[in-house]
Structures are given as C-alpha cells and as structure tokens.
C-alpha atoms as a PDB file:
ATOM      1  CA  UNK A   1    -350.616-151.233  86.563  1.00  0.00           C
ATOM      2  CA  UNK A   2    -353.072-153.544  85.205  1.00  0.00           C
ATOM      3  CA  UNK A   3    -353.208-157.273  85.679  1.00  0.00           C
ATOM      4  CA  UNK A   4    -354.360-159.843  83.029  1.00  0.00           C
ATOM      5  CA  UNK A   5    -357.368-161.296  84.889  1.00  0.00           C
ATOM      6  CA  UNK A   6    -356.778-164.643  82.869  1.00  0.00           C
ATOM      7  CA  UNK A   7    -353.035-165.147  83.120  1.00  0.00           C
ATOM      8  CA  UNK A   8    -352.325-163.234  85.982  1.00  0.00           C
ATOM      9  CA  UNK A   9    -349.748-161.483  84.308  1.00  0.00           C
ATOM     10  CA  UNK A  10    -348.705-157.943  84.869  1.00  0.00           C
ATOM     11  CA  UNK A  11    -349.780-155.772  81.798  1.00  0.00           C
ATOM     12  CA  UNK A  12    -347.197-152.901  81.290  1.00  0.00           C
ATOM     13  CA  UNK A  13    -348.225-149.363  79.865  1.00  0.00           C
ATOM     14  CA  UNK A  14    -346.342-150.273  76.796  1.00  0.00           C
ATOM     15  CA  UNK A  15    -347.983-153.585  76.242  1.00  0.00           C
ATOM     16  CA  UNK A  16    -351.427-152.109  76.700  1.00  0.00           C
ATOM     17  CA  UNK A  17    -350.624-149.696  73.610  1.00  0.00           C
ATOM     18  CA  UNK A  18    -349.408-152.419  71.583  1.00  0.00           C
ATOM     19  CA  UNK A  19    -345.669-151.383  71.305  1.00  0.00           C
ATOM     20  CA  UNK A  20    -344.033-154.575  73.071  1.00  0.00           C
ATOM     21  CA  UNK A  21    -347.073-157.099  72.453  1.00  0.00           C
ATOM     22  CA  UNK A  22    -344.701-159.327  70.239  1.00  0.00           C
ATOM     23  CA  UNK A  23    -341.981-159.537  73.168  1.00  0.00           C
ATOM     24  CA  UNK A  24    -344.509-160.068  75.580  1.00  0.00           C
ATOM     25  CA  UNK A  25    -345.860-162.994  74.024  1.00  0.00           C
ATOM     26  CA  UNK A  26    -342.368-164.530  74.158  1.00  0.00           C
ATOM     27  CA  UNK A  27    -342.168-164.395  78.052  1.00  0.00           C
ATOM     28  CA  UNK A  28    -343.266-167.139  80.210  1.00  0.00           C
ATOM     29  CA  UNK A  29    -346.379-166.044  82.354  1.00  0.00           C
ATOM     30  CA  UNK A  30    -346.327-166.843  86.184  1.00  0.00           C
ATOM     31  CA  UNK A  31    -348.516-169.252  87.557  1.00  0.00           C
ATOM     32  CA  UNK A  32    -350.236-166.455  89.647  1.00  0.00           C
ATOM     33  CA  UNK A  33    -349.964-162.967  90.384  1.00  0.00           C
ATOM     34  CA  UNK A  34    -352.802-161.634  92.587  1.00  0.00           C
ATOM     35  CA  UNK A  35    -351.985-158.077  91.889  1.00  0.00           C
ATOM     36  CA  UNK A  36    -349.706-157.581  94.810  1.00  0.00           C
ATOM     37  CA  UNK A  37    -346.413-155.911  93.981  1.00  0.00           C
ATOM     38  CA  UNK A  38    -344.031-158.779  94.309  1.00  0.00           C
ATOM     39  CA  UNK A  39    -340.534-157.996  93.771  1.00  0.00           C
ATOM     40  CA  UNK A  40    -339.555-161.621  92.623  1.00  0.00           C
ATOM     41  CA  UNK A  41    -342.151-161.643  89.936  1.00  0.00           C
ATOM     42  CA  UNK A  42    -340.744-158.327  88.694  1.00  0.00           C
ATOM     43  CA  UNK A  43    -337.466-159.928  88.717  1.00  0.00           C
ATOM     44  CA  UNK A  44    -338.403-163.224  86.984  1.00  0.00           C
ATOM     45  CA  UNK A  45    -340.220-160.907  84.327  1.00  0.00           C
ATOM     46  CA  UNK A  46    -337.271-158.926  83.794  1.00  0.00           C
ATOM     47  CA  UNK A  47    -335.021-161.917  83.534  1.00  0.00           C
ATOM     48  CA  UNK A  48    -337.401-163.293  81.035  1.00  0.00           C
ATOM     49  CA  UNK A  49    -337.539-160.256  78.972  1.00  0.00           C
ATOM     50  CA  UNK A  50    -333.635-160.021  78.814  1.00  0.00           C
ATOM     51  CA  UNK A  51    -333.685-163.610  77.719  1.00  0.00           C
ATOM     52  CA  UNK A  52    -336.197-163.051  75.012  1.00  0.00           C
ATOM     53  CA  UNK A  53    -334.947-159.663  73.634  1.00  0.00           C
ATOM     54  CA  UNK A  54    -331.144-159.515  74.518  1.00  0.00           C
ATOM     55  CA  UNK A  55    -329.863-163.130  74.764  1.00  0.00           C
ATOM     56  CA  UNK A  56    -329.121-163.215  78.002  1.00  0.00           C
ATOM     57  CA  UNK A  57    -326.770-166.089  79.222  1.00  0.00           C
ATOM     58  CA  UNK A  58    -326.847-168.211  81.959  1.00  0.00           C
ATOM     59  CA  UNK A  59    -323.972-166.401  84.006  1.00  0.00           C
ATOM     60  CA  UNK A  60    -325.729-163.134  83.187  1.00  0.00           C
ATOM     61  CA  UNK A  61    -328.949-164.413  84.907  1.00  0.00           C
ATOM     62  CA  UNK A  62    -326.992-165.466  87.810  1.00  0.00           C
ATOM     63  CA  UNK A  63    -325.273-162.219  88.301  1.00  0.00           C
ATOM     64  CA  UNK A  64    -328.639-160.388  87.838  1.00  0.00           C
ATOM     65  CA  UNK A  65    -330.256-162.731  90.807  1.00  0.00           C
ATOM     66  CA  UNK A  66    -327.235-162.313  92.964  1.00  0.00           C
ATOM     67  CA  UNK A  67    -327.275-158.331  92.645  1.00  0.00           C
ATOM     68  CA  UNK A  68    -331.047-157.738  92.412  1.00  0.00           C
ATOM     69  CA  UNK A  69    -332.174-160.485  94.690  1.00  0.00           C
ATOM     70  CA  UNK A  70    -330.548-159.024  97.897  1.00  0.00           C
ATOM     71  CA  UNK A  71    -332.477-155.721  97.235  1.00  0.00           C
ATOM     72  CA  UNK A  72    -335.765-156.914  96.664  1.00  0.00           C
ATOM     73  CA  UNK A  73    -335.683-159.025  99.505  1.00  0.00           C
ATOM     74  CA  UNK A  74    -334.364-156.252 101.699  1.00  0.00           C
ATOM     75  CA  UNK A  75    -337.015-153.471 100.224  1.00  0.00           C
ATOM     76  CA  UNK A  76    -339.539-152.617 102.700  1.00  0.00           C
ATOM     77  CA  UNK A  77    -341.941-151.169 100.441  1.00  0.00           C
ATOM     78  CA  UNK A  78    -343.720-152.363  97.016  1.00  0.00           C
ATOM     79  CA  UNK A  79    -341.455-151.859  94.116  1.00  0.00           C
ATOM     80  CA  UNK A  80    -343.408-149.017  92.592  1.00  0.00           C
ATOM     81  CA  UNK A  81    -342.961-147.180  95.843  1.00  0.00           C
ATOM     82  CA  UNK A  82    -339.254-147.268  95.966  1.00  0.00           C
ATOM     83  CA  UNK A  83    -337.388-144.015  96.145  1.00  0.00           C
ATOM     84  CA  UNK A  84    -333.856-142.729  95.723  1.00  0.00           C
ATOM     85  CA  UNK A  85    -333.633-142.742  99.622  1.00  0.00           C
ATOM     86  CA  UNK A  86    -334.280-146.440  99.546  1.00  0.00           C
ATOM     87  CA  UNK A  87    -331.586-147.295  96.950  1.00  0.00           C
ATOM     88  CA  UNK A  88    -329.061-145.062  98.726  1.00  0.00           C
ATOM     89  CA  UNK A  89    -329.961-146.572 102.053  1.00  0.00           C
ATOM     90  CA  UNK A  90    -329.430-149.925 100.591  1.00  0.00           C
ATOM     91  CA  UNK A  91    -325.989-149.178  98.834  1.00  0.00           C
ATOM     92  CA  UNK A  92    -324.645-147.256 102.207  1.00  0.00           C
ATOM     93  CA  UNK A  93    -323.300-150.317 104.052  1.00  0.00           C
ATOM     94  CA  UNK A  94    -321.230-151.198 101.090  1.00  0.00           C
ATOM     95  CA  UNK A  95    -318.935-148.287 101.291  1.00  0.00           C
ATOM     96  CA  UNK A  96    -315.925-150.367 102.084  1.00  0.00           C
ATOM     97  CA  UNK A  97    -316.695-152.761  99.292  1.00  0.00           C
ATOM     98  CA  UNK A  98    -316.684-150.440  96.296  1.00  0.00           C
ATOM     99  CA  UNK A  99    -316.839-153.210  93.566  1.00  0.00           C
ATOM    100  CA  UNK A 100    -319.842-154.892  95.343  1.00  0.00           C
ATOM    101  CA  UNK A 101    -321.618-151.440  95.407  1.00  0.00           C
ATOM    102  CA  UNK A 102    -320.949-150.694  91.857  1.00  0.00           C
ATOM    103  CA  UNK A 103    -322.251-153.882  90.862  1.00  0.00           C
ATOM    104  CA  UNK A 104    -325.378-153.450  92.915  1.00  0.00           C
ATOM    105  CA  UNK A 105    -325.704-150.135  91.248  1.00  0.00           C
ATOM    106  CA  UNK A 106    -325.194-150.952  87.799  1.00  0.00           C
ATOM    107  CA  UNK A 107    -327.896-153.869  88.039  1.00  0.00           C
ATOM    108  CA  UNK A 108    -330.424-151.563  89.811  1.00  0.00           C
ATOM    109  CA  UNK A 109    -330.075-148.863  87.170  1.00  0.00           C
ATOM    110  CA  UNK A 110    -330.596-151.605  84.233  1.00  0.00           C
ATOM    111  CA  UNK A 111    -333.471-153.178  86.397  1.00  0.00           C
ATOM    112  CA  UNK A 112    -335.451-149.693  87.104  1.00  0.00           C
ATOM    113  CA  UNK A 113    -334.649-148.477  83.638  1.00  0.00           C
ATOM    114  CA  UNK A 114    -336.643-151.246  82.282  1.00  0.00           C
ATOM    115  CA  UNK A 115    -339.287-151.620  85.338  1.00  0.00           C
ATOM    116  CA  UNK A 116    -340.201-147.669  85.148  1.00  0.00           C
ATOM    117  CA  UNK A 117    -340.360-147.558  81.400  1.00  0.00           C
ATOM    118  CA  UNK A 118    -342.621-150.655  81.288  1.00  0.00           C
ATOM    119  CA  UNK A 119    -344.790-149.985  84.104  1.00  0.00           C
ATOM    120  CA  UNK A 120    -344.736-146.291  84.310  1.00  0.00           C
ATOM    121  CA  UNK A 121    -343.619-145.488  87.942  1.00  0.00           C
ATOM    122  CA  UNK A 122    -341.061-142.833  88.655  1.00  0.00           C
ATOM    123  CA  UNK A 123    -337.161-144.074  88.404  1.00  0.00           C
ATOM    124  CA  UNK A 124    -335.704-143.964  91.940  1.00  0.00           C
ATOM    125  CA  UNK A 125    -332.201-144.089  90.185  1.00  0.00           C
ATOM    126  CA  UNK A 126    -332.474-140.778  88.798  1.00  0.00           C
ATOM    127  CA  UNK A 127    -329.985-138.462  90.142  1.00  0.00           C
ATOM    128  CA  UNK A 128    -327.887-141.155  91.729  1.00  0.00           C
ATOM    129  CA  UNK A 129    -324.431-141.079  90.461  1.00  0.00           C
ATOM    130  CA  UNK A 130    -322.353-144.268  89.893  1.00  0.00           C
ATOM    131  CA  UNK A 131    -320.197-144.902  93.066  1.00  0.00           C
ATOM    132  CA  UNK A 132    -316.511-144.458  92.558  1.00  0.00           C
ATOM    133  CA  UNK A 133    -314.627-147.476  92.340  1.00  0.00           C
ATOM    134  CA  UNK A 134    -310.723-147.908  92.770  1.00  0.00           C
ATOM    135  CA  UNK A 135    -308.648-147.072  89.954  1.00  0.00           C
ATOM    136  CA  UNK A 136    -306.239-149.810  89.942  1.00  0.00           C
ATOM    137  CA  UNK A 137    -304.040-151.649  87.254  1.00  0.00           C
ATOM    138  CA  UNK A 138    -305.325-155.053  87.192  1.00  0.00           C
ATOM    139  CA  UNK A 139    -303.042-158.221  87.028  1.00  0.00           C
ATOM    140  CA  UNK A 140    -301.908-158.865  83.131  1.00  0.00           C
ATOM    141  CA  UNK A 141    -300.452-162.408  81.928  1.00  0.00           C
ATOM    142  CA  UNK A 142    -297.365-161.638  80.013  1.00  0.00           C
ATOM    143  CA  UNK A 143    -295.855-163.789  77.235  1.00  0.00           C
ATOM    144  CA  UNK A 144    -293.310-165.013  79.884  1.00  0.00           C
ATOM    145  CA  UNK A 145    -295.860-165.875  82.118  1.00  0.00           C
ATOM    146  CA  UNK A 146    -297.854-167.967  79.384  1.00  0.00           C
ATOM    147  CA  UNK A 147    -294.642-169.878  78.615  1.00  0.00           C
ATOM    148  CA  UNK A 148    -293.978-170.828  82.111  1.00  0.00           C
ATOM    149  CA  UNK A 149    -297.691-171.859  82.528  1.00  0.00           C
ATOM    150  CA  UNK A 150    -297.891-174.089  79.534  1.00  0.00           C
ATOM    151  CA  UNK A 151    -294.455-175.673  80.612  1.00  0.00           C
ATOM    152  CA  UNK A 152    -296.001-176.343  84.206  1.00  0.00           C
ATOM    153  CA  UNK A 153    -298.869-178.601  82.791  1.00  0.00           C
ATOM    154  CA  UNK A 154    -298.399-182.134  81.802  1.00  0.00           C
ATOM    155  CA  UNK A 155    -301.199-182.845  79.420  1.00  0.00           C
ATOM    156  CA  UNK A 156    -302.148-181.875  75.879  1.00  0.00           C
ATOM    157  CA  UNK A 157    -305.549-180.489  76.746  1.00  0.00           C
ATOM    158  CA  UNK A 158    -304.396-178.000  79.193  1.00  0.00           C
ATOM    159  CA  UNK A 159    -301.529-176.855  77.062  1.00  0.00           C
ATOM    160  CA  UNK A 160    -303.980-176.142  74.318  1.00  0.00           C
ATOM    161  CA  UNK A 161    -306.443-174.488  76.420  1.00  0.00           C
ATOM    162  CA  UNK A 162    -303.866-172.130  78.086  1.00  0.00           C
ATOM    163  CA  UNK A 163    -302.362-171.241  74.720  1.00  0.00           C
ATOM    164  CA  UNK A 164    -305.890-170.582  73.235  1.00  0.00           C
ATOM    165  CA  UNK A 165    -306.767-168.386  76.035  1.00  0.00           C
ATOM    166  CA  UNK A 166    -303.427-166.296  75.753  1.00  0.00           C
ATOM    167  CA  UNK A 167    -303.562-166.229  71.732  1.00  0.00           C
ATOM    168  CA  UNK A 168    -307.047-165.446  71.328  1.00  0.00           C
ATOM    169  CA  UNK A 169    -308.389-163.485  74.464  1.00  0.00           C
ATOM    170  CA  UNK A 170    -311.377-165.828  74.661  1.00  0.00           C
ATOM    171  CA  UNK A 171    -313.717-165.486  77.588  1.00  0.00           C
ATOM    172  CA  UNK A 172    -314.366-168.436  79.816  1.00  0.00           C
ATOM    173  CA  UNK A 173    -317.809-168.968  78.566  1.00  0.00           C
ATOM    174  CA  UNK A 174    -316.466-168.905  74.946  1.00  0.00           C
ATOM    175  CA  UNK A 175    -313.720-171.719  75.633  1.00  0.00           C
ATOM    176  CA  UNK A 176    -316.474-173.672  77.272  1.00  0.00           C
ATOM    177  CA  UNK A 177    -318.856-173.476  74.595  1.00  0.00           C
ATOM    178  CA  UNK A 178    -316.336-174.261  71.608  1.00  0.00           C
ATOM    179  CA  UNK A 179    -317.582-177.716  69.631  1.00  0.00           C
ATOM    180  CA  UNK A 180    -315.129-179.541  67.728  1.00  0.00           C
ATOM    181  CA  UNK A 181    -316.947-178.638  64.400  1.00  0.00           C
ATOM    182  CA  UNK A 182    -316.288-175.007  65.300  1.00  0.00           C
ATOM    183  CA  UNK A 183    -312.656-175.548  65.007  1.00  0.00           C
ATOM    184  CA  UNK A 184    -310.874-174.482  61.728  1.00  0.00           C
ATOM    185  CA  UNK A 185    -307.137-175.418  62.296  1.00  0.00           C
ATOM    186  CA  UNK A 186    -306.138-174.598  59.019  1.00  0.00           C
ATOM    187  CA  UNK A 187    -307.319-171.046  58.964  1.00  0.00           C
ATOM    188  CA  UNK A 188    -306.584-170.578  62.490  1.00  0.00           C
ATOM    189  CA  UNK A 189    -310.071-169.607  63.647  1.00  0.00           C
ATOM    190  CA  UNK A 190    -312.823-171.063  65.711  1.00  0.00           C
ATOM    191  CA  UNK A 191    -316.365-169.820  65.678  1.00  0.00           C
ATOM    192  CA  UNK A 192    -317.796-168.900  69.248  1.00  0.00           C
ATOM    193  CA  UNK A 193    -320.799-167.581  70.827  1.00  0.00           C
ATOM    194  CA  UNK A 194    -320.002-164.685  72.979  1.00  0.00           C
ATOM    195  CA  UNK A 195    -321.902-162.228  75.362  1.00  0.00           C
ATOM    196  CA  UNK A 196    -325.272-161.588  74.388  1.00  0.00           C
ATOM    197  CA  UNK A 197    -325.424-164.669  71.977  1.00  0.00           C
ATOM    198  CA  UNK A 198    -323.277-162.838  69.456  1.00  0.00           C
ATOM    199  CA  UNK A 199    -321.409-164.947  67.352  1.00  0.00           C
ATOM    200  CA  UNK A 200    -317.536-164.108  66.728  1.00  0.00           C
ATOM    201  CA  UNK A 201    -314.472-165.630  65.839  1.00  0.00           C
ATOM    202  CA  UNK A 202    -311.172-166.215  67.908  1.00  0.00           C
ATOM    203  CA  UNK A 203    -308.050-166.171  65.999  1.00  0.00           C
ATOM    204  CA  UNK A 204    -304.760-168.007  67.083  1.00  0.00           C
ATOM    205  CA  UNK A 205    -301.150-168.562  65.839  1.00  0.00           C
ATOM    206  CA  UNK A 206    -298.999-171.517  64.654  1.00  0.00           C
ATOM    207  CA  UNK A 207    -297.776-172.546  68.271  1.00  0.00           C
ATOM    208  CA  UNK A 208    -301.205-172.709  69.389  1.00  0.00           C
ATOM    209  CA  UNK A 209    -302.248-174.543  66.371  1.00  0.00           C
ATOM    210  CA  UNK A 210    -299.635-177.121  66.995  1.00  0.00           C
ATOM    211  CA  UNK A 211    -300.725-177.654  70.647  1.00  0.00           C
ATOM    212  CA  UNK A 212    -304.228-177.829  69.446  1.00  0.00           C
ATOM    213  CA  UNK A 213    -303.395-180.268  66.735  1.00  0.00           C
ATOM    214  CA  UNK A 214    -301.302-182.534  69.155  1.00  0.00           C
ATOM    215  CA  UNK A 215    -304.476-182.343  71.595  1.00  0.00           C
ATOM    216  CA  UNK A 216    -306.791-183.520  68.753  1.00  0.00           C
ATOM    217  CA  UNK A 217    -304.631-186.346  67.951  1.00  0.00           C
ATOM    218  CA  UNK A 218    -303.958-187.599  71.180  1.00  0.00           C
ATOM    219  CA  UNK A 219    -307.815-187.107  72.884  1.00  0.00           C
ATOM    220  CA  UNK A 220    -309.947-187.230  69.544  1.00  0.00           C
ATOM    221  CA  UNK A 221    -312.735-185.065  71.198  1.00  0.00           C
ATOM    222  CA  UNK A 222    -316.400-185.456  70.172  1.00  0.00           C
ATOM    223  CA  UNK A 223    -319.044-182.652  71.120  1.00  0.00           C
ATOM    224  CA  UNK A 224    -317.231-179.765  73.232  1.00  0.00           C
ATOM    225  CA  UNK A 225    -313.680-179.268  72.066  1.00  0.00           C
ATOM    226  CA  UNK A 226    -312.319-179.256  75.578  1.00  0.00           C
ATOM    227  CA  UNK A 227    -314.929-181.033  77.654  1.00  0.00           C
ATOM    228  CA  UNK A 228    -315.025-178.687  80.505  1.00  0.00           C
ATOM    229  CA  UNK A 229    -317.599-175.865  81.672  1.00  0.00           C
ATOM    230  CA  UNK A 230    -316.671-172.652  82.899  1.00  0.00           C
ATOM    231  CA  UNK A 231    -316.342-173.876  86.482  1.00  0.00           C
ATOM    232  CA  UNK A 232    -314.175-176.781  85.169  1.00  0.00           C
ATOM    233  CA  UNK A 233    -311.782-174.129  83.540  1.00  0.00           C
ATOM    234  CA  UNK A 234    -311.613-172.007  86.658  1.00  0.00           C
ATOM    235  CA  UNK A 235    -310.603-174.783  88.705  1.00  0.00           C
ATOM    236  CA  UNK A 236    -307.694-175.766  86.158  1.00  0.00           C
ATOM    237  CA  UNK A 237    -306.653-172.140  86.221  1.00  0.00           C
ATOM    238  CA  UNK A 238    -306.987-171.818  89.883  1.00  0.00           C
ATOM    239  CA  UNK A 239    -305.013-174.996  90.362  1.00  0.00           C
ATOM    240  CA  UNK A 240    -302.317-173.777  87.958  1.00  0.00           C
ATOM    241  CA  UNK A 241    -301.892-170.601  89.683  1.00  0.00           C
ATOM    242  CA  UNK A 242    -301.385-172.337  93.064  1.00  0.00           C
ATOM    243  CA  UNK A 243    -298.723-174.508  91.665  1.00  0.00           C
ATOM    244  CA  UNK A 244    -296.976-172.051  89.741  1.00  0.00           C
ATOM    245  CA  UNK A 245    -297.421-168.704  91.730  1.00  0.00           C
ATOM    246  CA  UNK A 246    -298.497-167.103  88.778  1.00  0.00           C
ATOM    247  CA  UNK A 247    -302.042-165.244  88.855  1.00  0.00           C
ATOM    248  CA  UNK A 248    -304.154-167.054  86.540  1.00  0.00           C
ATOM    249  CA  UNK A 249    -307.469-166.467  85.365  1.00  0.00           C
ATOM    250  CA  UNK A 250    -309.098-165.843  82.135  1.00  0.00           C
ATOM    251  CA  UNK A 251    -309.479-162.071  82.413  1.00  0.00           C
ATOM    252  CA  UNK A 252    -305.890-161.939  82.997  1.00  0.00           C
ATOM    253  CA  UNK A 253    -305.053-163.508  79.875  1.00  0.00           C
ATOM    254  CA  UNK A 254    -307.809-161.450  78.308  1.00  0.00           C
ATOM    255  CA  UNK A 255    -305.935-158.373  79.494  1.00  0.00           C
ATOM    256  CA  UNK A 256    -302.516-159.764  78.473  1.00  0.00           C
ATOM    257  CA  UNK A 257    -304.004-160.541  74.873  1.00  0.00           C
ATOM    258  CA  UNK A 258    -305.043-156.810  74.562  1.00  0.00           C
ATOM    259  CA  UNK A 259    -301.728-155.347  76.073  1.00  0.00           C
ATOM    260  CA  UNK A 260    -299.717-157.622  73.779  1.00  0.00           C
ATOM    261  CA  UNK A 261    -301.349-156.510  70.676  1.00  0.00           C
ATOM    262  CA  UNK A 262    -301.042-152.938  71.755  1.00  0.00           C
ATOM    263  CA  UNK A 263    -297.219-153.337  72.093  1.00  0.00           C
ATOM    264  CA  UNK A 264    -296.951-155.176  68.825  1.00  0.00           C
ATOM    265  CA  UNK A 265    -298.642-151.947  67.471  1.00  0.00           C
ATOM    266  CA  UNK A 266    -302.178-153.156  66.748  1.00  0.00           C
ATOM    267  CA  UNK A 267    -304.857-150.452  66.604  1.00  0.00           C
ATOM    268  CA  UNK A 268    -307.585-150.070  69.102  1.00  0.00           C
ATOM    269  CA  UNK A 269    -310.209-150.537  66.458  1.00  0.00           C
ATOM    270  CA  UNK A 270    -308.563-154.021  65.570  1.00  0.00           C
ATOM    271  CA  UNK A 271    -308.212-155.279  68.894  1.00  0.00           C
ATOM    272  CA  UNK A 272    -311.751-154.296  69.734  1.00  0.00           C
ATOM    273  CA  UNK A 273    -312.908-156.472  66.705  1.00  0.00           C
ATOM    274  CA  UNK A 274    -310.088-159.369  67.776  1.00  0.00           C
ATOM    275  CA  UNK A 275    -311.155-159.620  71.224  1.00  0.00           C
ATOM    276  CA  UNK A 276    -315.137-158.950  70.610  1.00  0.00           C
ATOM    277  CA  UNK A 277    -315.335-156.063  72.673  1.00  0.00           C
ATOM    278  CA  UNK A 278    -318.632-154.181  72.539  1.00  0.00           C
ATOM    279  CA  UNK A 279    -316.598-150.572  72.661  1.00  0.00           C
ATOM    280  CA  UNK A 280    -313.250-148.845  72.396  1.00  0.00           C
ATOM    281  CA  UNK A 281    -313.735-147.817  76.041  1.00  0.00           C
ATOM    282  CA  UNK A 282    -313.566-151.681  77.076  1.00  0.00           C
ATOM    283  CA  UNK A 283    -310.430-152.064  74.906  1.00  0.00           C
ATOM    284  CA  UNK A 284    -308.743-149.012  76.800  1.00  0.00           C
ATOM    285  CA  UNK A 285    -309.751-150.476  80.163  1.00  0.00           C
ATOM    286  CA  UNK A 286    -308.043-153.823  79.230  1.00  0.00           C
ATOM    287  CA  UNK A 287    -304.886-152.227  77.840  1.00  0.00           C
ATOM    288  CA  UNK A 288    -304.384-149.887  81.070  1.00  0.00           C
ATOM    289  CA  UNK A 289    -301.206-151.434  82.000  1.00  0.00           C
ATOM    290  CA  UNK A 290    -299.862-150.797  78.541  1.00  0.00           C
ATOM    291  CA  UNK A 291    -300.610-147.211  78.651  1.00  0.00           C
ATOM    292  CA  UNK A 292    -298.726-146.690  81.950  1.00  0.00           C
ATOM    293  CA  UNK A 293    -295.705-148.803  80.545  1.00  0.00           C
ATOM    294  CA  UNK A 294    -295.622-146.942  77.327  1.00  0.00           C
ATOM    295  CA  UNK A 295    -295.785-143.508  78.875  1.00  0.00           C
ATOM    296  CA  UNK A 296    -293.176-144.616  81.381  1.00  0.00           C
ATOM    297  CA  UNK A 297    -290.706-145.640  78.568  1.00  0.00           C
ATOM    298  CA  UNK A 298    -291.315-142.104  77.004  1.00  0.00           C
ATOM    299  CA  UNK A 299    -290.576-140.465  80.081  1.00  0.00           C
ATOM    300  CA  UNK A 300    -287.469-138.275  80.378  1.00  0.00           C
ATOM    301  CA  UNK A 301    -286.170-137.195  83.950  1.00  0.00           C
ATOM    302  CA  UNK A 302    -286.878-133.464  84.666  1.00  0.00           C
ATOM    303  CA  UNK A 303    -284.001-133.215  86.931  1.00  0.00           C
ATOM    304  CA  UNK A 304    -280.690-134.189  85.416  1.00  0.00           C
END
C-alpha cells in the first residue's frame, strides 16, 4: 500500500489507477499517517467512504464503531496480516451471544470486503460462514395493543406518535427526522429520509390523521414535528411499555404494520414499498408471525 507523502493519506490500489479518485477526494484526510498499519485509521477511512458514497447515517456510524472498534483494538497483528484464524478466534467467545456474534460477523465482512478491495491484501473472511442465529418469532404489536397504548397516554403528541408508528411502520430515525413541512395531512402522507439517506413516504389513515391534526392544533410545532430525537422516542416507548405491560418499541410496531397488512391481503411487493424495505426477504422476516398464524389457521388435525 502506497502512502501519500504530502497528506499522509493511505493510497489504495484502485485510486492509484484512477478508478475511485473522485470518491477519494471527498474523504477527509487524517492529520498524519506515518505508514504504520493503524486499525483506527482504516476504520475512520472506511466510515468516511461510507458517508461519501452510501449516505451513512449517525446510527450506522455508531454501529460500525461499536462492532469494528473492539476487533481492531483486540487484533494482535497489522490489519494487512489478519487471517481467517484471527477472525475465528475473535468470534469464538461470543458462542453464547449469537446475535452479538452475528453483528460482529456482518460488520467485519463488510469492512474487509472494502479494505481488501481498496488496499489489495487477502480477505480473511473468505470461507467463514455466517454464524447461525436463533430462529425466533419476535414480538409483534397488534391492533389491540395499539388501541391500549393510545388510550394509556394523556397527551396529544404521544397519541399521534404512537398512531403514526403503527399506521406507517416508520423507523425511529424517520419519525425523529420529520419536519412540520414534510407533513401532508390532506393526502395522508409524510415525506421522510430513510436508511441510507433514501427519500420515501409514510402513509397513514383517518384516525391517525385526526390525532395528528389534534396535536398540531394544540402544540403548533415548528421545525421538527414531534421535537424528539431517537433516544427521546425510545425513552417514551420504554416508559409506556412499563406502564402498560405491553412490549413497546419501534420495531415491534414495524412488525405489526407488516403483519396487519398481510392479514388484510396486501401483497409482499406493496408491503415492501409501503415499509421502505430494501428486499422482499426483509418483508418475510418482519411478517414471520403472520406466516405461522396463517398456516396454523389452515391446519387440519391428522388424528380425528
């Protein structure tokens, strides 16, 4: 790997050939890079690259730092010398924490695909299969749960927010990013910026429209519609879950949204568009509870 003698910037094999020179120019250059293989420098370069080319969000950056940081701190050799054995050894202690181990694996696979492609060293992830995770049916918020949750809060903002989560399947980050100007009450739509900085629309029905209108009339918000960041939304939902005994988080609403649409006969392609999912596989994951319930309803006893 060559090093820019002026900027101290690691120059990839691609950029030397000119393929990614436009992208490389967008990336912030570290103050110094003495030619040593510094894992944190690679991580920062990777994050800068993802921001410049993929629209990496703040939560995405945090996830990369939380998953890649421990590995790069632990790694006993220069990054270019990483082998399959190093990766396996790092993942091994997480045998009893399958989701954590799978998160590390996904982050490392993405990181090394980029690093090895950019800097030309062998990919240590080659031949390492994805760790298995428990095949569980996660909690799904039902329409009855939503009614109880709305009834349990005593302010117009939270009633409207809960209704919108349930009616639109919105992510926490999407809800937090909504500006008042993005809301189109008349058409029942809200423009949002989703994962990867992809613009999309939330849709909602008459009852949510009425709750939003009541909140707007009472609070007359300016700027952000609900005035809460993602942590504020999470805190409100956790508090509501404790008060009602109903498991309550944005993803359970999102699963409930997809499952309710399946029950209503909406096709997977339409659900994918309405929920702003990147693939049908994600729709199937979020509607797993429906798939089993529907099969159970069609089941007929063998022994009669």
